[in-house]
Each structure stands twice: as structure tokens, then as C-alpha cells.
């Protein structure tokens, strides 16, 4: 397994790409420790430790801890991801965006420009809201976070946080262009992985205090390995539908006649259904937490991570968004038309509408077990949190959004490295097969 990593540095071009990626990711991590002027970062970090189970805690996980100290990269790359998801959803329902996606390189260039502009606008809105939020001590139990509030602080905060996200956009594009892997995905992955040493430190502290015994920690390691294996199965699992193309004779040459397959993933939406479900659930719970009313606080506790009502709603919303995203990301009618256009057909199924109905039935049947599998991985950390009485940061090792992103990005990056190795006649990561 270590041989491919050693061989990667024997290829000058691949070695250069890996080193560029590592250097740019190190620059990103360095930026996560540069504070935004005028904010008491220590007091803010203590506040975030008390609200780990809210929307702020989830956002802090994606930014690699930059939000809890409000550094210059506090907004992270999530505004860019949010705008990208919104435009992708609009492309399924708005003809203008759908036409842009079909226009080729020019259309993709316009979509990229719209994504960048939308990211800047969203950053300005979010940074302004954060500036006003920080200025009010009532939001932090009368702890002063900003020593000199006012418009100068607000404008400075908006400029700093917006510029930080724009810098991360540029950094991600440079990694994608000159490095290895998808830059935006790698930035999110490194941010999530940076929190794991803190989780290991908390486990060691719980062991010293006697809250966790040695056999329990050993059982936790086994569970983590099983969850990672299950996450890989969910990420890579697919149903392959056999597609055949007839032979065509053009002049003296024979074209076609081969048999291939059409892959349909078990989990079409990836981590997007979980992001939607968490955002819808945690936004009202986070806002209600700041209301001084016993009834409202009790309802907020019902919506806190790990509570029965939260788990039930989380599972239901995840299944719903799995079906919703599958419906807009995989269009059986378009796939059936493309197959008929190029002469392909599924054995035993007539081209056209019957093929579309066949694909839609398979997609519906695959989405249900895929969504239930996704729900199991998503809520498993909360079950561990209630069972072992550990903090959310420790429980996040057992699944959830973070683990799904890490597994998907690492597999994709390893696949790209392996393609370079196989192209130059080196052995891949697996002796008997390559990463699919």
C-alpha cells in the first residue's frame, strides 16, 4: 500500500502537483490562525465550546475551527458551496441556467462568473450579520466580544471576511489547476481533519478522568473502522445497467457493437441531503436558543442534536432530500433520449419512454435503501454521543457529514493519483484491481 505513495514522488510531474497541493493547503491552515481585528478570539472560542450542537458548531467544523475564533477565513468556503448548490438546483427548473450548462465551455465560464458574484454577495450579507451579532453582548451572556463597536468595525469585518473567502476560492482553483484533486473539496476536507486531533485529545482526557475505560476505547476504534468501511460502500455503491450498441458499417469500417453499462449510484446526492436537512433543523434551534423563555427553551432542547424529535425529523428530511436531489440530478427522460440518439438500448426494454420508465423505477428502488443507509451513518454519531456521554466533536468520528466528505474526497484524490501511476506503468493502490 505504501509503494504507490513512494512511486508518486518518482514521477516529476506528479511530484510537483502533490507538493503544490500540500503547500497551498498549508497556506490555508496558516490563514485559519490569523485573527480578525477588534475581536476577543479567546472569549468567542469559549462561547463556541458551549454551543457545539448548534448550527454554529456544524459551521465551525467545516471551517476547521476558524469560525470559533473568527479568523480571516472564518466564513470558509461554504458560501461558495452554497451558491454552487443553489445554481445547480436552478439549472434543473430554470431554462436559462439549464441552457448555460448545455453551452459547453462558454456556458460553464458564465456559470463560474455567476457563482463567484453570488459568493461575494452572500459573503457580504453573512459578514454584516456576524458583525452586528458580535457587537451585542446580550448574545454572549453579557460578555463583550468587540472592544470598539461601530461602523468602522462592521466595514472592516465585512471586507476581511469577504476577502478571506475570495482568497479561498482562488486557492481552491489553483489546487485544481496546478495540483492534484479538487481544490475546493480538499480545503473542506483538511478543515474537517484539523478537528480530529482535538477529538483525540478529548478522548485522552476522558480516559484519564475515568469516564472512558480502555475496552470502551478499543470498541470505539472498531466501530470507527466499521463506519468508515460502510461509508466507502455507500459512496462507491452503484447499480450497473447493461447497455448494448448495434454494429454500424461506414465504408470499410465497422463501428459499435460493444456492450457497456450505465452506472446509477445508490447515493445520488452524496452529502447534499444531509447539509439541507441539518440547515433546516438547526437554524430554528439555534435562533430559539437565544430567546429567554422557558417554553421556547424547552422546545429548543427537543430540537437539539441527539434528542428524539431531532433524530426523527433529521431522518425524515434526509430521506426526502435524497429523493428530491435524485429527481433533479438524474433525468431518466434525457438519459433515454441520449441512448436512442446514439443507437444504444437496454436488453429487453424498448427505446424511448419504456426505457425512461425502466430507469425511473430502478432509481426509485435504489434511492430508498441508499437514503436509509445515509440516515444510519448520519445519526450514528448522536447515538454514540448519548450512549458514551462524549462531546459532539468526539462523536463526529463515528460518521455524519464530515466523515462522508472525507471518504469521498480521499477516494477521488487517490483515483487521480492512481491514473497518473497507471499511465506511466506503475502499480496502483491495489494489486489486483484499480480504484473504480
Protein backbone atom coordinates (compact mmCIF):
# COMPACT_ATOMS: atom_id res chain seq x y z
CA UNK A 1 0.00 0.00 0.00
CA UNK A 2 2.91 2.37 0.71
CA UNK A 3 4.64 1.53 -2.59
CA UNK A 4 2.28 3.71 -4.73
CA UNK A 5 2.95 6.72 -2.47
CA UNK A 6 6.69 6.17 -2.90
CA UNK A 7 6.27 5.78 -6.67
CA UNK A 8 4.26 9.03 -6.79
CA UNK A 9 7.37 11.01 -5.92
CA UNK A 10 9.40 9.28 -8.66
CA UNK A 11 7.31 10.95 -11.36
CA UNK A 12 8.46 14.61 -11.66
CA UNK A 13 5.11 15.95 -12.90
CA UNK A 14 3.08 14.12 -10.25
CA UNK A 15 5.58 15.02 -7.52
CA UNK A 16 5.26 18.70 -8.47
CA UNK A 17 1.46 18.52 -8.33
CA UNK A 18 1.47 16.85 -4.90
CA UNK A 19 3.96 19.36 -3.45
CA UNK A 20 1.97 22.32 -4.81
CA UNK A 21 -1.19 20.88 -3.26
CA UNK A 22 0.48 20.39 0.13
CA UNK A 23 1.98 23.91 0.13
CA UNK A 24 -1.32 25.58 -0.78
CA UNK A 25 -3.20 23.58 1.85
CA UNK A 26 -0.56 24.63 4.41
CA UNK A 27 -1.22 28.27 3.41
CA UNK A 28 -4.91 27.69 4.04
CA UNK A 29 -4.26 26.27 7.51
CA UNK A 30 -1.98 29.21 8.31
CA UNK A 31 -4.77 31.62 7.41
CA UNK A 32 -7.08 29.87 9.88
CA UNK A 33 -4.96 31.27 12.74
CA UNK A 34 -4.78 34.95 11.64
CA UNK A 35 -7.39 36.80 13.77
CA UNK A 36 -9.87 39.38 12.54
CA UNK A 37 -9.06 42.81 14.09
CA UNK A 38 -11.12 44.06 17.02
CA UNK A 39 -12.50 40.72 18.34
CA UNK A 40 -11.77 38.85 21.55
CA UNK A 41 -11.00 35.47 19.96
CA UNK A 42 -10.44 33.63 23.26
CA UNK A 43 -13.85 34.62 24.68
CA UNK A 44 -15.53 33.73 21.38
CA UNK A 45 -13.86 30.29 21.33
CA UNK A 46 -15.15 29.62 24.85
CA UNK A 47 -18.67 30.57 23.72
CA UNK A 48 -18.47 28.16 20.76
CA UNK A 49 -17.41 25.31 23.03
CA UNK A 50 -20.74 25.70 24.86
CA UNK A 51 -22.84 25.57 21.68
CA UNK A 52 -21.19 22.72 19.78
CA UNK A 53 -24.51 21.08 18.98
CA UNK A 54 -25.98 24.08 17.16
CA UNK A 55 -25.66 25.38 13.62
CA UNK A 56 -22.59 27.36 14.73
CA UNK A 57 -20.87 24.15 15.80
CA UNK A 58 -21.55 22.49 12.43
CA UNK A 59 -20.30 25.58 10.57
CA UNK A 60 -17.18 25.66 12.74
CA UNK A 61 -16.50 22.02 11.80
CA UNK A 62 -16.44 22.91 8.08
CA UNK A 63 -14.15 25.92 8.60
CA UNK A 64 -11.61 23.91 10.57
CA UNK A 65 -12.11 25.93 13.75
CA UNK A 66 -11.67 29.31 12.00
CA UNK A 67 -15.21 30.44 12.83
CA UNK A 68 -14.94 29.82 16.57
CA UNK A 69 -12.00 32.26 16.78
CA UNK A 70 -13.30 34.44 13.90
CA UNK A 71 -10.08 34.47 11.92
CA UNK A 72 -9.79 36.00 8.45
CA UNK A 73 -11.04 32.68 6.94
CA UNK A 74 -14.00 32.40 9.34
CA UNK A 75 -16.61 32.08 6.59
CA UNK A 76 -14.58 29.33 4.94
CA UNK A 77 -15.52 28.05 1.51
CA UNK A 78 -19.15 27.27 2.44
CA UNK A 79 -20.62 30.44 0.79
CA UNK A 80 -19.13 29.25 -2.50
CA UNK A 81 -20.54 25.75 -1.96
CA UNK A 82 -23.97 27.15 -1.05
CA UNK A 83 -24.15 29.31 -4.20
CA UNK A 84 -22.96 26.39 -6.34
CA UNK A 85 -25.70 24.15 -4.95
CA UNK A 86 -28.34 26.86 -5.49
CA UNK A 87 -27.29 27.35 -9.13
CA UNK A 88 -27.28 23.58 -9.67
CA UNK A 89 -30.83 23.38 -8.36
CA UNK A 90 -31.88 26.34 -10.50
CA UNK A 91 -30.41 24.63 -13.58
CA UNK A 92 -32.99 21.87 -13.11
CA UNK A 93 -36.00 24.22 -13.05
CA UNK A 94 -34.97 27.48 -14.79
CA UNK A 95 -34.41 27.21 -18.58
CA UNK A 96 -31.77 29.99 -18.63
CA UNK A 97 -29.41 28.17 -16.27
CA UNK A 98 -30.15 24.84 -17.96
CA UNK A 99 -29.14 26.30 -21.33
CA UNK A 100 -25.93 27.69 -19.83
CA UNK A 101 -24.99 24.22 -18.62
CA UNK A 102 -25.51 22.83 -22.13
CA UNK A 103 -23.49 25.52 -23.93
CA UNK A 104 -20.14 23.87 -23.24
CA UNK A 105 -17.04 25.81 -22.11
CA UNK A 106 -18.62 29.22 -22.66
CA UNK A 107 -21.68 28.31 -20.61
CA UNK A 108 -19.53 26.89 -17.82
CA UNK A 109 -17.49 30.10 -17.81
CA UNK A 110 -20.66 32.18 -17.36
CA UNK A 111 -21.87 29.86 -14.59
CA UNK A 112 -18.49 30.21 -12.85
CA UNK A 113 -18.74 34.00 -13.02
CA UNK A 114 -22.28 33.91 -11.61
CA UNK A 115 -21.08 31.60 -8.82
CA UNK A 116 -18.25 33.98 -7.91
CA UNK A 117 -20.51 37.04 -7.88
CA UNK A 118 -23.14 35.22 -5.84
CA UNK A 119 -20.43 34.12 -3.39
CA UNK A 120 -19.27 37.71 -2.88
CA UNK A 121 -22.85 38.87 -2.31
CA UNK A 122 -23.55 36.06 0.15
CA UNK A 123 -20.28 36.77 2.00
CA UNK A 124 -21.19 40.43 2.39
CA UNK A 125 -24.61 39.50 3.81
CA UNK A 126 -23.20 36.89 6.20
CA UNK A 127 -20.27 39.07 7.33
CA UNK A 128 -22.62 42.00 8.03
CA UNK A 129 -24.89 39.77 10.12
CA UNK A 130 -21.85 38.43 12.04
CA UNK A 131 -20.58 41.96 12.73
CA UNK A 132 -23.92 43.09 14.21
CA UNK A 133 -24.20 39.80 16.14
CA UNK A 134 -20.76 40.21 17.71
CA UNK A 135 -21.42 43.79 18.80
CA UNK A 136 -24.35 42.83 21.05
CA UNK A 137 -23.12 41.46 24.43
CA UNK A 138 -26.62 40.06 25.15
CA UNK A 139 -25.91 37.31 22.61
CA UNK A 140 -22.96 36.11 24.71
CA UNK A 141 -24.31 36.27 28.28
CA UNK A 142 -23.16 39.92 28.62
CA UNK A 143 -19.59 39.10 27.59
CA UNK A 144 -18.08 41.87 25.44
CA UNK A 145 -16.65 40.43 22.23
CA UNK A 146 -15.90 43.71 20.43
CA UNK A 147 -13.94 46.38 22.28
CA UNK A 148 -14.76 49.22 19.84
CA UNK A 149 -18.09 48.60 18.08
CA UNK A 150 -19.32 50.85 15.32
CA UNK A 151 -19.37 51.22 11.57
CA UNK A 152 -15.60 51.11 11.26
CA UNK A 153 -15.58 47.66 12.88
CA UNK A 154 -18.50 46.50 10.74
CA UNK A 155 -16.93 47.61 7.44
CA UNK A 156 -13.55 46.18 8.43
CA UNK A 157 -15.14 42.84 9.37
CA UNK A 158 -17.12 42.64 6.11
CA UNK A 159 -14.04 43.41 4.00
CA UNK A 160 -11.84 40.98 5.94
CA UNK A 161 -14.23 38.01 5.92
CA UNK A 162 -15.27 38.53 2.28
CA UNK A 163 -11.65 38.82 1.15
CA UNK A 164 -10.85 35.64 3.11
CA UNK A 165 -13.47 33.62 1.24
CA UNK A 166 -12.39 35.08 -2.12
CA UNK A 167 -8.82 34.08 -1.30
CA UNK A 168 -10.01 30.53 -0.53
CA UNK A 169 -11.85 30.43 -3.87
CA UNK A 170 -8.63 31.39 -5.65
CA UNK A 171 -6.66 28.87 -3.59
CA UNK A 172 -9.07 26.08 -4.50
CA UNK A 173 -8.88 26.95 -8.20
CA UNK A 174 -5.07 26.92 -8.08
CA UNK A 175 -5.08 23.47 -6.43
CA UNK A 176 -7.48 22.12 -9.07
CA UNK A 177 -5.47 23.62 -11.94
CA UNK A 178 -1.88 23.07 -10.80
CA UNK A 179 -2.19 20.46 -8.04
CA UNK A 180 -3.92 17.12 -7.63
CA UNK A 181 -7.59 16.61 -6.77
CA UNK A 182 -10.48 19.05 -6.46
CA UNK A 183 -9.20 22.13 -4.63
CA UNK A 184 -12.49 23.20 -3.03
CA UNK A 185 -13.19 19.68 -1.75
CA UNK A 186 -9.65 19.30 -0.39
CA UNK A 187 -9.93 22.59 1.52
CA UNK A 188 -13.14 21.41 3.20
CA UNK A 189 -11.58 18.01 3.95
CA UNK A 190 -8.44 19.48 5.50
CA UNK A 191 -10.61 21.79 7.63
CA UNK A 192 -12.59 18.83 8.96
CA UNK A 193 -9.48 16.70 9.52
CA UNK A 194 -7.88 19.52 11.51
CA UNK A 195 -10.51 19.00 14.22
CA UNK A 196 -9.69 15.32 14.71
CA UNK A 197 -6.53 15.87 16.83
CA UNK A 198 -8.71 17.86 19.25
CA UNK A 199 -11.15 14.93 19.33
CA UNK A 200 -8.30 12.53 20.12
CA UNK A 201 -7.15 14.88 22.89
CA UNK A 202 -10.65 14.88 24.39
CA UNK A 203 -10.71 11.07 24.30
CA UNK A 204 -7.39 11.01 26.19
CA UNK A 205 -8.78 13.45 28.77
CA UNK A 206 -11.91 11.32 29.23
CA UNK A 207 -9.70 8.25 29.70
CA UNK A 208 -7.60 9.98 32.37
CA UNK A 209 -10.70 11.17 34.21
CA UNK A 210 -12.14 7.63 34.25
CA UNK A 211 -15.20 8.41 32.06
CA UNK A 212 -13.92 6.09 29.32
CA UNK A 213 -12.28 2.74 30.04
CA UNK A 214 -9.66 1.01 27.89
CA UNK A 215 -12.03 -1.66 26.48
CA UNK A 216 -14.52 1.09 25.59
CA UNK A 217 -11.86 2.98 23.61
CA UNK A 218 -10.90 -0.27 21.82
CA UNK A 219 -14.58 -0.82 20.94
CA UNK A 220 -14.74 2.76 19.66
CA UNK A 221 -11.79 2.12 17.33
CA UNK A 222 -13.50 -0.98 15.92
CA UNK A 223 -16.75 0.95 15.40
CA UNK A 224 -14.89 3.75 13.62
CA UNK A 225 -13.27 1.23 11.23
CA UNK A 226 -16.67 -0.37 10.50
CA UNK A 227 -18.32 3.01 9.91
CA UNK A 228 -15.54 4.05 7.51
CA UNK A 229 -15.99 0.78 5.58
CA UNK A 230 -19.75 1.33 5.43
CA UNK A 231 -19.22 4.92 4.24
CA UNK A 232 -16.96 3.69 1.42
CA UNK A 233 -19.65 1.20 0.37
CA UNK A 234 -22.27 3.94 0.37
CA UNK A 235 -20.05 6.34 -1.58
CA UNK A 236 -18.94 3.86 -4.24
CA UNK A 237 -22.02 1.60 -4.43
CA UNK A 238 -23.83 1.64 -7.77
CA UNK A 239 -26.20 -0.38 -9.93
CA UNK A 240 -24.81 -1.16 -13.38
CA UNK A 241 -27.39 -1.43 -16.15
CA UNK A 242 -26.15 -3.25 -19.25
CA UNK A 243 -26.37 -1.14 -22.43
CA UNK A 244 -25.72 -2.50 -25.92
CA UNK A 245 -24.88 -0.63 -29.12
CA UNK A 246 -25.56 -2.21 -32.55
CA UNK A 247 -22.90 -2.53 -35.24
CA UNK A 248 -22.72 0.17 -37.91
CA UNK A 249 -20.80 -0.22 -41.17
CA UNK A 250 -19.40 3.01 -42.59
CA UNK A 251 -17.38 2.33 -45.72
CA UNK A 252 -14.98 -0.49 -44.87
CA UNK A 253 -15.03 0.14 -41.13
CA UNK A 254 -17.36 -1.36 -38.54
CA UNK A 255 -18.39 0.86 -35.64
CA UNK A 256 -20.19 -0.02 -32.44
CA UNK A 257 -21.26 -3.48 -31.49
CA UNK A 258 -19.86 -3.22 -27.98
CA UNK A 259 -21.60 -3.76 -24.68
CA UNK A 260 -21.17 -1.26 -21.85
CA UNK A 261 -23.09 -0.27 -18.75
CA UNK A 262 -24.93 2.70 -17.31
CA UNK A 263 -24.00 3.29 -13.64
CA UNK A 264 -26.65 4.55 -11.20
CA UNK A 265 -25.27 5.39 -7.78
CA UNK A 266 -27.01 4.20 -4.65
CA UNK A 267 -26.50 7.63 -3.11
CA UNK A 268 -27.03 10.15 -5.91
CA UNK A 269 -26.96 13.25 -3.70
CA UNK A 270 -23.81 12.46 -1.73
CA UNK A 271 -23.66 14.68 1.32
CA UNK A 272 -26.03 17.36 -0.03
CA UNK A 273 -29.24 15.85 1.51
CA UNK A 274 -27.55 15.90 4.93
CA UNK A 275 -26.48 19.54 4.51
CA UNK A 276 -30.03 20.56 3.59
CA UNK A 277 -31.55 18.58 6.48
CA UNK A 278 -29.09 19.95 9.05
CA UNK A 279 -29.57 23.53 7.86
CA UNK A 280 -33.37 23.34 8.05
CA UNK A 281 -33.32 21.73 11.51
CA UNK A 282 -30.55 23.66 13.22
CA UNK A 283 -31.39 27.15 12.02
CA UNK A 284 -34.59 27.47 14.12
CA UNK A 285 -32.98 25.59 17.02
CA UNK A 286 -30.02 27.99 17.03
CA UNK A 287 -32.25 31.08 16.88
CA UNK A 288 -34.57 29.80 19.64
CA UNK A 289 -31.59 29.21 21.92
CA UNK A 290 -31.18 32.98 22.33
CA UNK A 291 -34.82 33.56 23.39
CA UNK A 292 -35.30 33.96 27.16
CA UNK A 293 -38.46 31.93 27.59
CA UNK A 294 -38.84 28.60 29.40
CA UNK A 295 -41.30 27.16 26.88
CA UNK A 296 -39.16 28.23 23.93
CA UNK A 297 -36.01 26.82 25.55
CA UNK A 298 -37.78 23.51 26.17
CA UNK A 299 -38.79 23.34 22.50
CA UNK A 300 -35.20 24.25 21.56
CA UNK A 301 -33.97 21.31 23.67
CA UNK A 302 -36.29 18.99 21.71
CA UNK A 303 -34.56 20.17 18.51
CA UNK A 304 -31.06 19.82 19.93
CA UNK A 305 -28.83 17.13 18.34
CA UNK A 306 -29.40 13.74 19.93
CA UNK A 307 -32.97 14.44 21.05
CA UNK A 308 -35.69 12.06 19.85
CA UNK A 309 -37.64 14.71 17.90
CA UNK A 310 -34.45 15.99 16.25
CA UNK A 311 -33.38 12.48 15.23
CA UNK A 312 -36.83 11.68 13.82
CA UNK A 313 -37.03 14.91 11.80
CA UNK A 314 -33.42 14.55 10.69
CA UNK A 315 -34.07 11.06 9.32
CA UNK A 316 -37.28 12.12 7.57
CA UNK A 317 -35.74 15.22 5.95
CA UNK A 318 -32.69 13.25 4.80
CA UNK A 319 -34.84 10.64 3.05
CA UNK A 320 -36.95 13.41 1.45
CA UNK A 321 -33.93 15.32 0.13
CA UNK A 322 -32.36 12.10 -1.17
CA UNK A 323 -35.41 11.59 -3.38
CA UNK A 324 -35.57 15.29 -4.24
CA UNK A 325 -31.93 15.54 -5.30
CA UNK A 326 -32.07 12.23 -7.19
CA UNK A 327 -35.04 13.54 -9.16
CA UNK A 328 -33.25 16.71 -10.27
CA UNK A 329 -29.74 15.26 -10.79
CA UNK A 330 -30.73 12.16 -12.80
CA UNK A 331 -33.31 12.72 -15.52
CA UNK A 332 -34.46 9.35 -16.96
CA UNK A 333 -36.07 11.04 -19.99
CA UNK A 334 -32.83 12.75 -21.01
CA UNK A 335 -30.81 9.57 -20.49
CA UNK A 336 -33.31 7.56 -22.58
CA UNK A 337 -33.18 10.18 -25.37
CA UNK A 338 -29.37 10.12 -25.38
CA UNK A 339 -29.34 6.33 -25.61
CA UNK A 340 -31.79 6.37 -28.52
CA UNK A 341 -29.84 9.15 -30.25
CA UNK A 342 -26.61 7.11 -30.27
CA UNK A 343 -28.31 3.78 -31.01
CA UNK A 344 -27.95 2.29 -27.53
CA UNK A 345 -30.59 0.15 -25.88
CA UNK A 346 -31.17 -1.87 -22.71
CA UNK A 347 -31.76 -5.56 -23.37
CA UNK A 348 -35.43 -6.44 -23.07
CA UNK A 349 -36.59 -2.80 -22.90
CA UNK A 350 -37.91 -0.79 -25.83
CA UNK A 351 -36.19 2.56 -26.57
CA UNK A 352 -37.86 5.83 -25.69
CA UNK A 353 -40.49 6.15 -22.98
CA UNK A 354 -40.31 2.50 -21.79
CA UNK A 355 -36.56 2.96 -21.19
CA UNK A 356 -37.23 6.15 -19.21
CA UNK A 357 -39.85 4.37 -17.10
CA UNK A 358 -37.47 1.46 -16.51
CA UNK A 359 -34.67 3.79 -15.36
CA UNK A 360 -37.05 5.76 -13.14
CA UNK A 361 -38.26 2.56 -11.44
CA UNK A 362 -34.67 1.46 -10.76
CA UNK A 363 -33.73 4.91 -9.45
CA UNK A 364 -36.72 4.91 -7.08
CA UNK A 365 -35.87 1.45 -5.76
CA UNK A 366 -32.19 2.34 -5.28
CA UNK A 367 -32.86 5.65 -3.53
CA UNK A 368 -34.78 4.10 -0.62
CA UNK A 369 -32.01 1.76 0.67
CA UNK A 370 -29.41 4.41 -0.16
CA UNK A 371 -31.25 7.06 1.85
CA UNK A 372 -31.79 4.71 4.81
CA UNK A 373 -28.08 3.79 4.74
CA UNK A 374 -27.24 7.51 4.68
CA UNK A 375 -29.57 8.15 7.62
CA UNK A 376 -27.90 5.37 9.62
CA UNK A 377 -24.44 6.86 9.07
CA UNK A 378 -25.73 10.39 9.77
CA UNK A 379 -27.43 9.67 13.11
CA UNK A 380 -24.86 7.17 14.38
CA UNK A 381 -22.71 9.94 16.00
CA UNK A 382 -25.71 11.13 18.02
CA UNK A 383 -26.37 7.58 19.23
CA UNK A 384 -22.73 7.33 20.31
CA UNK A 385 -22.96 10.74 21.99
CA UNK A 386 -25.96 9.62 24.08
CA UNK A 387 -24.55 6.15 24.79
CA UNK A 388 -21.00 7.05 25.82
CA UNK A 389 -21.77 10.60 27.04
CA UNK A 390 -18.97 12.09 24.93
CA UNK A 391 -18.81 15.58 23.32
CA UNK A 392 -20.08 16.09 19.78
CA UNK A 393 -16.52 16.56 18.46
CA UNK A 394 -15.62 13.04 19.62
CA UNK A 395 -18.91 11.58 18.35
CA UNK A 396 -18.27 13.11 14.88
CA UNK A 397 -15.55 10.47 14.40
CA UNK A 398 -18.32 7.86 14.05
CA UNK A 399 -19.99 9.25 10.93
CA UNK A 400 -22.01 12.27 9.91
CA UNK A 401 -21.37 14.88 7.25
CA UNK A 402 -17.68 15.23 7.99
CA UNK A 403 -16.81 11.57 7.51
CA UNK A 404 -18.81 11.31 4.28
CA UNK A 405 -16.94 14.29 2.81
CA UNK A 406 -13.55 12.97 3.92
CA UNK A 407 -14.11 9.50 2.44
CA UNK A 408 -15.46 10.81 -0.89
CA UNK A 409 -12.64 13.35 -1.36
CA UNK A 410 -9.85 10.94 -0.39
CA UNK A 411 -11.16 8.27 -2.79
CA UNK A 412 -11.39 10.80 -5.64
CA UNK A 413 -7.87 12.12 -4.95
CA UNK A 414 -6.44 8.57 -4.78
CA UNK A 415 -8.19 7.80 -8.07
CA UNK A 416 -6.45 10.75 -9.76
CA UNK A 417 -3.05 9.77 -8.35
CA UNK A 418 -3.59 6.19 -9.48
CA UNK A 419 -4.44 7.31 -13.02
CA UNK A 420 -1.05 9.08 -13.20
CA UNK A 421 0.71 5.96 -11.90
CA UNK A 422 -1.00 3.56 -14.30
CA UNK A 423 -0.40 5.89 -17.24
CA UNK A 424 3.35 5.63 -16.55
CA UNK A 425 3.21 1.86 -15.97
CA UNK A 426 3.46 2.00 -12.18
CA UNK A 427 1.39 -0.19 -9.88
CA UNK A 428 -1.78 1.34 -8.45
CA UNK A 429 -3.01 1.32 -4.86
CA UNK A 430 -4.45 -2.19 -5.26
CA UNK A 431 -2.51 -5.10 -6.77
CA UNK A 432 -5.39 -6.98 -8.42
CA UNK A 433 -7.59 -4.07 -9.45
CA UNK A 434 -7.73 -0.32 -9.74
CA UNK A 435 -9.94 2.07 -7.83
CA UNK A 436 -13.25 2.22 -9.69
